[in-house]
Amino acid sequence: MARPRIVIVGAGFAGFTVARKLAKLSHGSAEIVIINPTDYFLYLPLLPEVATGLLEPRRVTVSLAGALPGVRVVLGEADGFDLDGRTVSYTDPEGGAGKMGYHRLVIAVGSVNKLLPVPGVGRYAHGFRNISEALYLRDHITRQIEMAGNATDDAERQARCTFVVVGAGYTGTEVAAQGVLYTRDLVKPWPVLHGRPRWLLIDTAERVLPSLDKRLADASDAVLRERGVEIRTETSVQEASASGVRLSTGEYVATKSLIWCVGVRPDPLVDHVGLATREGRLVVDEFLTVPGYPDVYAIGDAAAVPDLTMPGQLTGMTAQHAVRHGHTAALNIAASYGRGRRRAYEHHDLGFVVDLGGLDAAANPLGVAVKGFPAKVVTRGYHLLSMPGNRVRVAGDWLLDALLGRHGVQLGLVPADAVPLESQSAD
């Protein structure tokens, strides 16, 4: 290789960040390559707004080639690593096999839907980790309301108007909060459905948003309940079928819509790397390198990064950590070539934001708890600052929604068999 080649597998928050930072640091002195199944970076936090008709799907996708000048993008799904031979093998979108050598390797393959051994969930639940799933869910919700409007049987009508969200973390809470507003708009042309849509939010925890400050969680809970969302805490799904779900309380809920937001697990590729894992994630040291392979880095949801602020714990599988992993890994890779010094990853929480739709949100920037409209301003400002592109387009969609409302139609682009829950991964 004429120049040292740095290969990054995955273009989520971690992979995108390390590529962008390395491109700035190297000034063309290294060849930087990203191997990724798609040609875009997906801004996952805004997927609930795609699924509920607030944002168009292209708004949350940022072109890798456009946003990462000087970085070579190779379309493909990584399927093997030869760490001793320093090569990565992959399959391109047309089924062709490829192999690429590297001088430094960054494994940032991300995460997939977390499944639980619950009968029927893999077949009947709808996941929520990529554009295809978000688009399918938007069509599905719209279709259920339209079919309910034409149903002659009252039981069928109510089942189609009932939506069960499992998982009251950030994603599930936002999906339920945005979803109830979306269905409220969808039923306007159908007088027979006014007041019919029913949303349930289920979690095994004692409260919604269990990892958030209790004051903000309580504020979010109040907003959801005010909108009519039924919250079932300390409750799980025992069985799912085509006609409904049975809860651990014994209650049976007739529904055509089971939305699975229980969390994520590392990409299954991690199991085939042949390296040590902890909690399903690749073991790395505080410098984000794999023990025994100083030229191999693992970051993001795929990496078991030690949390130096909480000895014995791992950093969470969040976008905030992934971005900072990427930044630190880039600095350490540059240091390995003699530019700067190597540094350990140490993270201090800057707070979180939860968008509840309408004029409501909850946030704790720098530990300061805010709710309502001030939190909405903080939340949207945070997203606009965090997005690496499409900011004007996203702001434009938000403005159009405020002026004109949501546009609820089926696009029919993603069939159900294209988004099986058990095999969907994060883009």
Protein backbone atom coordinates (compact mmCIF):
# COMPACT_ATOMS: atom_id res chain seq x y z
CA MET A 1 0.00 0.00 0.00
CA ALA A 2 1.49 3.32 -1.10
CA ARG A 3 -0.17 5.09 1.81
CA PRO A 4 -1.29 3.58 5.12
CA ARG A 5 -4.87 2.45 4.77
CA ILE A 6 -7.35 2.85 7.61
CA VAL A 7 -10.46 0.70 7.11
CA ILE A 8 -13.62 1.50 9.07
CA VAL A 9 -16.38 -1.10 9.11
CA GLY A 10 -19.73 0.58 9.70
CA ALA A 11 -20.97 4.15 9.21
CA GLY A 12 -23.22 4.72 12.20
CA PHE A 13 -22.48 7.40 14.76
CA ALA A 14 -19.14 5.84 15.75
CA GLY A 15 -17.90 4.96 12.27
CA PHE A 16 -18.99 8.23 10.72
CA THR A 17 -17.33 10.28 13.46
CA VAL A 18 -13.99 8.47 13.32
CA ALA A 19 -13.90 8.79 9.53
CA ARG A 20 -14.68 12.51 9.58
CA LYS A 21 -12.11 13.23 12.29
CA LEU A 22 -9.40 11.14 10.63
CA ALA A 23 -9.99 12.88 7.30
CA LYS A 24 -9.32 16.21 9.00
CA LEU A 25 -6.29 14.95 10.89
CA SER A 26 -4.60 13.08 8.04
CA HIS A 27 -4.73 15.85 5.40
CA GLY A 28 -4.56 13.15 2.73
CA SER A 29 -1.53 11.36 4.22
CA ALA A 30 -3.60 8.20 4.82
CA GLU A 31 -6.20 6.38 2.73
CA ILE A 32 -9.41 6.23 4.73
CA VAL A 33 -12.02 3.67 3.65
CA ILE A 34 -15.51 3.01 5.02
CA ILE A 35 -17.20 -0.32 4.30
CA ASN A 36 -20.95 0.03 4.82
CA PRO A 37 -24.11 -1.59 3.36
CA THR A 38 -25.62 1.81 2.48
CA ASP A 39 -24.24 5.04 1.06
CA TYR A 40 -25.61 7.18 3.89
CA PHE A 41 -25.29 7.95 7.58
CA LEU A 42 -28.61 7.49 9.38
CA TYR A 43 -29.54 9.96 12.11
CA LEU A 44 -31.39 7.45 14.27
CA PRO A 45 -32.83 9.81 16.93
CA LEU A 46 -35.28 11.28 14.42
CA LEU A 47 -36.63 7.95 13.13
CA PRO A 48 -39.79 8.26 15.30
CA GLU A 49 -40.61 11.44 13.36
CA VAL A 50 -40.18 9.56 10.07
CA ALA A 51 -42.44 6.74 11.26
CA THR A 52 -45.18 9.17 12.27
CA GLY A 53 -45.23 11.30 9.14
CA LEU A 54 -43.44 14.36 10.51
CA LEU A 55 -40.19 14.05 8.52
CA GLU A 56 -39.54 12.68 5.08
CA PRO A 57 -37.09 9.73 5.16
CA ARG A 58 -34.33 11.43 3.17
CA ARG A 59 -34.13 14.15 5.83
CA VAL A 60 -32.47 11.76 8.29
CA THR A 61 -30.04 10.24 5.77
CA VAL A 62 -26.80 12.05 5.02
CA SER A 63 -24.70 11.12 1.99
CA LEU A 64 -21.38 9.60 3.09
CA ALA A 65 -19.61 10.73 -0.05
CA GLY A 66 -20.94 14.26 0.34
CA ALA A 67 -20.30 14.58 4.06
CA LEU A 68 -16.91 12.84 4.11
CA PRO A 69 -14.71 14.38 1.41
CA GLY A 70 -11.47 12.46 1.05
CA VAL A 71 -13.00 9.24 2.43
CA ARG A 72 -13.54 6.31 0.09
CA VAL A 73 -16.93 4.63 0.54
CA VAL A 74 -17.16 0.93 -0.35
CA LEU A 75 -20.69 -0.49 -0.45
CA GLY A 76 -20.72 -3.89 1.18
CA GLU A 77 -21.60 -6.01 4.18
CA ALA A 78 -18.51 -7.09 6.09
CA ASP A 79 -18.59 -10.85 6.70
CA GLY A 80 -15.13 -11.83 7.88
CA PHE A 81 -11.88 -10.61 9.42
CA ASP A 82 -8.36 -12.04 9.10
CA LEU A 83 -6.66 -10.11 11.86
CA ASP A 84 -3.32 -11.85 11.39
CA GLY A 85 -3.37 -11.25 7.64
CA ARG A 86 -4.84 -7.77 8.14
CA THR A 87 -7.71 -8.14 5.71
CA VAL A 88 -11.48 -7.61 5.79
CA SER A 89 -13.82 -9.58 3.52
CA TYR A 90 -17.19 -8.26 2.43
CA THR A 91 -20.10 -8.90 0.08
CA ASP A 92 -21.23 -6.07 -2.17
CA PRO A 93 -24.92 -5.22 -2.87
CA GLU A 94 -24.95 -7.44 -5.96
CA GLY A 95 -23.54 -10.49 -4.18
CA GLY A 96 -19.94 -10.08 -5.28
CA ALA A 97 -17.17 -10.97 -2.84
CA GLY A 98 -14.43 -8.50 -1.97
CA LYS A 99 -11.39 -8.35 0.26
CA MET A 100 -9.42 -5.36 1.48
CA GLY A 101 -6.15 -5.02 3.35
CA TYR A 102 -5.60 -2.51 6.11
CA HIS A 103 -2.94 -0.90 8.24
CA ARG A 104 -5.40 0.12 10.93
CA LEU A 105 -8.88 -1.37 11.38
CA VAL A 106 -11.87 0.17 13.16
CA ILE A 107 -14.80 -2.14 13.90
CA ALA A 108 -17.93 -0.02 14.29
CA VAL A 109 -20.67 -2.38 13.11
CA GLY A 110 -23.30 -1.06 15.52
CA SER A 111 -26.31 -2.92 16.85
CA VAL A 112 -29.53 -4.70 15.90
CA ASN A 113 -32.96 -5.14 17.42
CA LYS A 114 -32.88 -6.94 20.76
CA LEU A 115 -35.19 -9.92 20.73
CA LEU A 116 -36.54 -11.73 23.77
CA PRO A 117 -37.67 -15.37 23.81
CA VAL A 118 -41.34 -14.46 23.64
CA PRO A 119 -43.56 -16.64 21.41
CA GLY A 120 -44.73 -14.80 18.30
CA VAL A 121 -42.66 -11.63 18.72
CA GLY A 122 -40.20 -12.40 15.94
CA ARG A 123 -43.07 -12.96 13.52
CA TYR A 124 -45.64 -10.36 14.49
CA ALA A 125 -43.74 -7.43 16.03
CA HIS A 126 -42.41 -4.46 14.06
CA GLY A 127 -38.86 -3.35 14.78
CA PHE A 128 -37.46 0.13 14.74
CA ARG A 129 -33.79 0.40 13.77
CA ASN A 130 -33.56 1.60 10.18
CA ILE A 131 -35.26 3.52 7.38
CA SER A 132 -37.03 0.47 5.98
CA GLU A 133 -38.63 -0.32 9.32
CA ALA A 134 -39.64 3.29 9.91
CA LEU A 135 -41.23 3.54 6.45
CA TYR A 136 -43.00 0.23 6.90
CA LEU A 137 -44.32 1.31 10.29
CA ARG A 138 -45.63 4.59 8.88
CA ASP A 139 -47.48 2.71 6.15
CA HIS A 140 -48.71 0.13 8.64
CA ILE A 141 -50.16 2.69 11.07
CA THR A 142 -51.80 4.59 8.21
CA ARG A 143 -53.21 1.39 6.72
CA GLN A 144 -54.68 0.22 10.01
CA ILE A 145 -56.58 3.48 10.47
CA GLU A 146 -57.86 3.42 6.88
CA MET A 147 -58.95 -0.22 7.16
CA ALA A 148 -60.59 0.50 10.51
CA GLY A 149 -62.58 3.26 8.85
CA ASN A 150 -64.04 0.74 6.40
CA ALA A 151 -64.50 -2.11 8.87
CA THR A 152 -68.08 -3.20 9.60
CA ASP A 153 -67.23 -5.22 12.71
CA ASP A 154 -66.73 -3.10 15.82
CA ALA A 155 -64.20 -5.50 17.37
CA GLU A 156 -62.08 -5.43 14.22
CA ARG A 157 -62.32 -1.66 14.07
CA GLN A 158 -61.03 -1.30 17.63
CA ALA A 159 -58.22 -3.85 17.12
CA ARG A 160 -56.97 -1.95 14.10
CA CYS A 161 -57.04 1.28 16.11
CA THR A 162 -55.00 -0.22 18.96
CA PHE A 163 -51.21 0.17 19.00
CA VAL A 164 -48.95 -1.52 21.55
CA VAL A 165 -45.42 -0.18 22.05
CA VAL A 166 -43.06 -2.41 24.04
CA GLY A 167 -40.15 -0.60 25.70
CA ALA A 168 -40.47 2.73 27.51
CA GLY A 169 -36.93 3.94 26.91
CA TYR A 170 -36.14 6.90 24.67
CA THR A 171 -37.29 5.31 21.41
CA GLY A 172 -40.46 3.67 22.72
CA THR A 173 -41.53 6.77 24.63
CA GLU A 174 -41.01 8.99 21.59
CA VAL A 175 -42.83 6.54 19.28
CA ALA A 176 -45.86 6.43 21.60
CA ALA A 177 -45.84 10.21 22.12
CA GLN A 178 -45.52 10.97 18.39
CA GLY A 179 -47.79 8.09 17.36
CA VAL A 180 -50.81 9.22 19.35
CA LEU A 181 -50.61 12.62 17.65
CA TYR A 182 -50.25 10.99 14.24
CA THR A 183 -53.31 8.76 14.61
CA ARG A 184 -55.26 11.71 15.99
CA ASP A 185 -54.63 13.45 12.66
CA LEU A 186 -55.29 10.31 10.60
CA VAL A 187 -58.81 9.76 11.97
CA LYS A 188 -60.03 13.28 11.16
CA PRO A 189 -61.62 12.20 7.81
CA TRP A 190 -63.27 9.22 9.56
CA PRO A 191 -65.98 10.38 12.03
CA VAL A 192 -66.61 6.80 13.08
CA LEU A 193 -63.02 6.61 14.39
CA HIS A 194 -62.96 9.82 16.41
CA GLY A 195 -61.69 8.96 19.89
CA ARG A 196 -60.95 5.38 18.84
CA PRO A 197 -57.14 5.20 18.57
CA ARG A 198 -55.67 3.51 21.63
CA TRP A 199 -51.96 3.52 22.45
CA LEU A 200 -50.35 1.37 25.13
CA LEU A 201 -46.75 1.73 26.34
CA ILE A 202 -45.39 -1.33 28.15
CA ASP A 203 -42.17 -1.86 30.09
CA THR A 204 -40.84 -4.14 32.81
CA ALA A 205 -39.34 -1.14 34.63
CA GLU A 206 -41.10 0.72 37.41
CA ARG A 207 -41.51 3.89 35.32
CA VAL A 208 -41.06 5.26 31.83
CA LEU A 209 -37.59 6.46 30.86
CA PRO A 210 -35.94 4.55 33.73
CA SER A 211 -32.46 5.87 32.86
CA LEU A 212 -33.56 9.51 32.88
CA ASP A 213 -33.84 11.92 35.79
CA LYS A 214 -37.03 11.01 37.67
CA ARG A 215 -38.42 14.55 37.44
CA LEU A 216 -38.19 14.44 33.64
CA ALA A 217 -39.52 10.90 33.50
CA ASP A 218 -42.50 11.97 35.59
CA ALA A 219 -43.06 14.99 33.34
CA SER A 220 -42.98 12.73 30.26
CA ASP A 221 -45.34 10.28 31.94
CA ALA A 222 -47.80 13.12 32.60
CA VAL A 223 -47.69 14.26 28.95
CA LEU A 224 -48.33 10.72 27.71
CA ARG A 225 -51.22 10.14 30.07
CA GLU A 226 -52.76 13.50 29.22
CA ARG A 227 -52.80 12.42 25.57
CA GLY A 228 -54.51 9.18 26.51
CA VAL A 229 -51.56 6.81 26.28
CA GLU A 230 -52.07 3.85 28.63
CA ILE A 231 -48.85 3.08 30.50
CA ARG A 232 -48.26 -0.43 31.84
CA THR A 233 -45.12 -0.54 34.00
CA GLU A 234 -43.68 -3.73 35.52
CA THR A 235 -45.42 -5.55 32.68
CA SER A 236 -44.16 -7.65 29.78
CA VAL A 237 -45.53 -9.40 26.71
CA GLN A 238 -46.10 -13.11 27.25
CA GLU A 239 -47.23 -14.02 23.74
CA ALA A 240 -47.92 -12.33 20.42
CA SER A 241 -50.19 -13.46 17.62
CA ALA A 242 -51.75 -12.08 14.46
CA SER A 243 -54.80 -10.98 16.44
CA GLY A 244 -53.24 -9.51 19.59
CA VAL A 245 -50.87 -9.81 22.54
CA ARG A 246 -51.18 -11.35 25.98
CA LEU A 247 -49.53 -9.41 28.79
CA SER A 248 -47.87 -10.77 31.93
CA THR A 249 -50.80 -9.40 33.92
CA GLY A 250 -53.09 -11.81 32.09
CA GLU A 251 -54.71 -9.03 30.07
CA TYR A 252 -55.29 -9.77 26.39
CA VAL A 253 -55.08 -6.81 24.00
CA ALA A 254 -56.59 -7.25 20.56
CA THR A 255 -54.31 -5.42 18.12
CA LYS A 256 -52.69 -5.63 14.70
CA SER A 257 -49.78 -3.44 15.80
CA LEU A 258 -47.00 -4.59 18.13
CA ILE A 259 -44.10 -2.10 17.98
CA TRP A 260 -40.86 -3.47 19.43
CA CYS A 261 -38.58 -0.90 21.09
CA VAL A 262 -37.03 -2.93 23.91
CA GLY A 263 -33.44 -2.03 23.11
CA VAL A 264 -30.53 -3.23 21.06
CA ARG A 265 -27.81 -5.87 21.03
CA PRO A 266 -24.44 -5.82 19.22
CA ASP A 267 -24.46 -6.77 15.55
CA PRO A 268 -24.20 -10.59 15.15
CA LEU A 269 -20.99 -10.08 13.17
CA VAL A 270 -19.27 -9.52 16.53
CA ASP A 271 -19.72 -13.23 17.29
CA HIS A 272 -17.71 -14.18 14.20
CA VAL A 273 -14.69 -11.93 14.68
CA GLY A 274 -12.99 -14.52 16.87
CA LEU A 275 -12.15 -12.11 19.68
CA ALA A 276 -13.07 -11.95 23.35
CA THR A 277 -16.44 -10.42 24.17
CA ARG A 278 -18.17 -9.08 27.24
CA GLU A 279 -21.95 -8.77 27.32
CA GLY A 280 -21.85 -9.62 23.61
CA ARG A 281 -19.52 -6.72 22.79
CA LEU A 282 -15.88 -6.81 21.70
CA VAL A 283 -13.48 -6.36 24.59
CA VAL A 284 -11.27 -3.27 24.26
CA ASP A 285 -9.00 -1.37 26.61
CA GLU A 286 -9.43 2.23 27.69
CA PHE A 287 -7.68 3.34 24.49
CA LEU A 288 -10.32 1.51 22.39
CA THR A 289 -7.85 -1.05 21.04
CA VAL A 290 -8.40 -4.81 21.02
CA PRO A 291 -6.04 -6.66 23.41
CA GLY A 292 -3.35 -8.45 21.42
CA TYR A 293 -4.07 -6.45 18.26
CA PRO A 294 -2.85 -2.87 18.75
CA ASP A 295 -3.80 -1.97 15.17
CA VAL A 296 -7.46 -2.99 15.65
CA TYR A 297 -9.98 -0.64 17.30
CA ALA A 298 -13.59 -1.34 18.25
CA ILE A 299 -16.05 1.45 19.04
CA GLY A 300 -19.74 2.19 19.36
CA ASP A 301 -22.39 -0.37 20.29
CA ALA A 302 -20.14 -3.24 19.18
CA ALA A 303 -17.45 -2.44 21.76
CA ALA A 304 -17.28 -3.17 25.49
CA VAL A 305 -15.61 0.13 26.37
CA PRO A 306 -14.70 0.41 30.06
CA ASP A 307 -16.35 3.34 31.80
CA LEU A 308 -13.53 5.05 33.69
CA THR A 309 -16.03 7.20 35.59
CA MET A 310 -17.72 4.05 36.97
CA PRO A 311 -15.07 1.36 37.51
CA GLY A 312 -16.19 -2.10 36.50
CA GLN A 313 -18.99 -0.79 34.25
CA LEU A 314 -19.15 -0.42 30.48
CA THR A 315 -20.17 2.73 28.62
CA GLY A 316 -23.78 2.66 27.47
CA MET A 317 -24.95 1.75 23.98
CA THR A 318 -25.97 5.30 23.09
CA ALA A 319 -25.29 7.69 20.23
CA GLN A 320 -23.61 10.10 22.63
CA HIS A 321 -21.00 7.50 23.59
CA ALA A 322 -20.59 6.30 20.00
CA VAL A 323 -19.75 9.81 18.77
CA ARG A 324 -17.17 10.29 21.50
CA HIS A 325 -15.72 6.82 20.93
CA GLY A 326 -15.19 7.81 17.30
CA HIS A 327 -13.53 11.10 18.22
CA THR A 328 -11.15 9.44 20.71
CA ALA A 329 -10.34 6.54 18.36
CA ALA A 330 -9.41 9.00 15.60
CA LEU A 331 -7.03 10.85 17.92
CA ASN A 332 -5.45 7.58 19.04
CA ILE A 333 -5.03 6.33 15.48
CA ALA A 334 -3.35 9.61 14.57
CA ALA A 335 -1.13 9.22 17.64
CA SER A 336 -0.12 5.75 16.45
CA TYR A 337 1.40 7.48 13.42
CA GLY A 338 3.23 9.98 15.60
CA ARG A 339 0.70 12.82 15.50
CA GLY A 340 -0.38 13.85 18.99
CA ARG A 341 -0.65 11.61 22.03
CA ARG A 342 -2.78 8.61 22.82
CA ARG A 343 -5.57 9.19 25.34
CA ALA A 344 -7.95 7.02 27.34
CA TYR A 345 -11.68 7.33 26.73
CA GLU A 346 -13.38 9.07 29.63
CA HIS A 347 -16.91 10.32 29.24
CA HIS A 348 -18.88 12.78 31.33
CA ASP A 349 -22.62 12.85 30.75
CA LEU A 350 -23.85 15.98 29.00
CA GLY A 351 -27.50 15.11 29.42
CA PHE A 352 -30.26 13.69 27.22
CA VAL A 353 -33.26 14.91 25.28
CA VAL A 354 -36.63 13.29 24.62
CA ASP A 355 -38.99 14.74 22.01
CA LEU A 356 -42.63 14.13 22.94
CA GLY A 357 -44.16 15.72 19.85
CA GLY A 358 -46.24 18.85 19.66
CA LEU A 359 -44.74 21.51 21.92
CA ASP A 360 -43.60 19.02 24.56
CA ALA A 361 -40.20 17.56 25.35
CA ALA A 362 -37.99 16.67 28.31
CA ALA A 363 -34.28 17.40 28.56
CA ASN A 364 -31.48 17.74 31.07
CA PRO A 365 -28.65 19.60 29.31
CA LEU A 366 -25.59 19.70 31.56
CA GLY A 367 -27.73 18.31 34.36
CA VAL A 368 -30.33 21.11 34.28
CA ALA A 369 -33.81 19.60 34.08
CA VAL A 370 -36.22 21.38 31.72
CA LYS A 371 -39.57 20.35 30.32
CA GLY A 372 -42.34 21.64 28.07
CA PHE A 373 -41.64 24.25 25.41
CA PRO A 374 -38.17 25.27 26.72
CA ALA A 375 -37.17 21.61 26.50
CA LYS A 376 -38.60 21.49 22.97
CA VAL A 377 -36.30 24.34 21.94
CA VAL A 378 -33.33 22.57 23.54
CA THR A 379 -34.23 19.25 21.93
CA ARG A 380 -34.63 20.55 18.41
CA GLY A 381 -31.57 22.74 18.73
CA TYR A 382 -29.57 19.74 19.88
CA HIS A 383 -30.69 17.63 16.92
CA LEU A 384 -29.91 20.37 14.41
CA LEU A 385 -26.44 20.84 15.87
CA SER A 386 -25.78 17.09 16.00
CA MET A 387 -26.84 16.32 12.44
CA PRO A 388 -23.94 16.37 9.96
CA GLY A 389 -26.21 17.56 7.14
CA ASN A 390 -29.80 18.26 6.00
CA ARG A 391 -30.36 20.79 8.78
CA VAL A 392 -32.30 23.25 6.62
CA ARG A 393 -34.45 20.46 5.18
CA VAL A 394 -35.27 19.10 8.65
CA ALA A 395 -36.10 22.58 9.96
CA GLY A 396 -38.25 23.11 6.87
CA ASP A 397 -40.27 19.95 7.55
CA TRP A 398 -40.78 21.03 11.14
CA LEU A 399 -42.03 24.42 9.97
CA LEU A 400 -44.39 22.85 7.41
CA ASP A 401 -45.77 20.54 10.08
CA ALA A 402 -46.45 23.51 12.35
CA LEU A 403 -48.27 25.32 9.54
CA LEU A 404 -49.97 22.53 7.59
CA GLY A 405 -49.98 19.38 9.74
CA ARG A 406 -48.75 15.91 8.86
CA HIS A 407 -49.23 14.28 5.47
CA GLY A 408 -50.62 10.80 6.15
CA VAL A 409 -50.61 8.54 3.09
CA GLN A 410 -49.29 5.06 2.37
CA LEU A 411 -46.29 4.89 0.05
CA GLY A 412 -46.24 1.09 -0.24
CA LEU A 413 -42.47 0.99 -0.73
CA VAL A 414 -41.59 -1.59 1.92
CA PRO A 415 -43.48 -4.91 2.11
CA ALA A 416 -43.78 -6.70 5.45
CA ASP A 417 -41.51 -9.58 4.41
CA ALA A 418 -38.69 -7.08 3.75
CA VAL A 419 -38.42 -6.11 7.42
CA PRO A 420 -38.45 -9.30 9.52
CA LEU A 421 -37.72 -8.33 13.11
CA GLU A 422 -35.31 -11.18 13.80
CA SER A 423 -32.81 -10.12 11.11
CA GLN A 424 -32.95 -6.34 10.96
CA SER A 425 -29.80 -4.38 11.75
CA ALA A 426 -28.95 -0.73 12.16
CA ASP A 427 -27.81 1.06 9.03
